[in-house]
């Protein structure tokens, strides 16, 4: 919902968006660098608009 990272990952792997978001929230509770990975994916993942078809 913030940057679309969870929705993009869910679409890429054919999973439910709610499930991916739930897994992310649960993973934040565990020690690790999940927020850093989220920020990196936010920067590296292509924008949905850049891949949509636009007729000329």
Protein backbone atom coordinates (compact mmCIF):
# COMPACT_ATOMS: atom_id res chain seq x y z
CA UNK A 1 0.00 0.00 0.00
CA UNK A 2 2.95 2.32 0.53
CA UNK A 3 5.05 1.67 -2.56
CA UNK A 4 3.37 -1.33 -4.17
CA UNK A 5 6.24 -3.67 -3.39
CA UNK A 6 4.06 -6.36 -1.80
CA UNK A 7 1.49 -6.10 -4.59
CA UNK A 8 4.22 -6.38 -7.22
CA UNK A 9 5.75 -9.42 -5.56
CA UNK A 10 2.33 -11.01 -5.18
CA UNK A 11 1.53 -10.46 -8.85
CA UNK A 12 4.95 -11.76 -9.94
CA UNK A 13 4.66 -15.00 -7.96
CA UNK A 14 0.89 -15.50 -8.33
CA UNK A 15 0.07 -15.07 -4.65
CA UNK A 16 -2.61 -13.17 -2.80
CA UNK A 17 -1.68 -9.55 -2.07
CA UNK A 18 -3.10 -9.88 1.44
CA UNK A 19 -0.94 -12.93 2.10
CA UNK A 20 2.24 -11.19 0.99
CA UNK A 21 1.42 -8.13 3.11
CA UNK A 22 0.69 -10.34 6.12
CA UNK A 23 3.99 -12.18 5.66
CA UNK A 24 5.84 -8.87 5.47
CA UNK A 25 4.22 -7.55 8.66
CA UNK A 26 5.02 -10.79 10.49
CA UNK A 27 8.59 -10.71 9.18
CA UNK A 28 9.12 -7.18 10.54
CA UNK A 29 8.64 -8.58 14.05
CA UNK A 30 11.57 -10.94 13.52
CA UNK A 31 15.14 -9.61 13.69
CA UNK A 32 16.67 -8.79 10.33
CA UNK A 33 16.87 -6.20 7.62
CA UNK A 34 13.37 -6.52 6.16
CA UNK A 35 12.78 -2.76 6.04
CA UNK A 36 16.07 -2.27 4.17
CA UNK A 37 15.11 -4.97 1.65
CA UNK A 38 11.69 -3.33 1.22
CA UNK A 39 13.34 0.04 0.54
CA UNK A 40 15.73 -1.52 -1.98
CA UNK A 41 12.88 -3.25 -3.77
CA UNK A 42 10.97 0.04 -3.81
CA UNK A 43 13.89 1.62 -5.67
CA UNK A 44 14.69 -1.33 -7.96
CA UNK A 45 11.27 -2.63 -8.98
CA UNK A 46 9.96 -1.18 -12.24
CA UNK A 47 6.93 1.05 -12.14
CA UNK A 48 3.73 -0.57 -13.39
CA UNK A 49 3.17 2.38 -15.73
CA UNK A 50 6.45 1.75 -17.53
CA UNK A 51 5.23 -1.67 -18.72
CA UNK A 52 1.64 -0.83 -19.60
CA UNK A 53 0.70 -0.67 -23.25
CA UNK A 54 -0.06 2.78 -24.58
CA UNK A 55 -1.33 3.02 -28.13
CA UNK A 56 0.14 5.87 -30.17
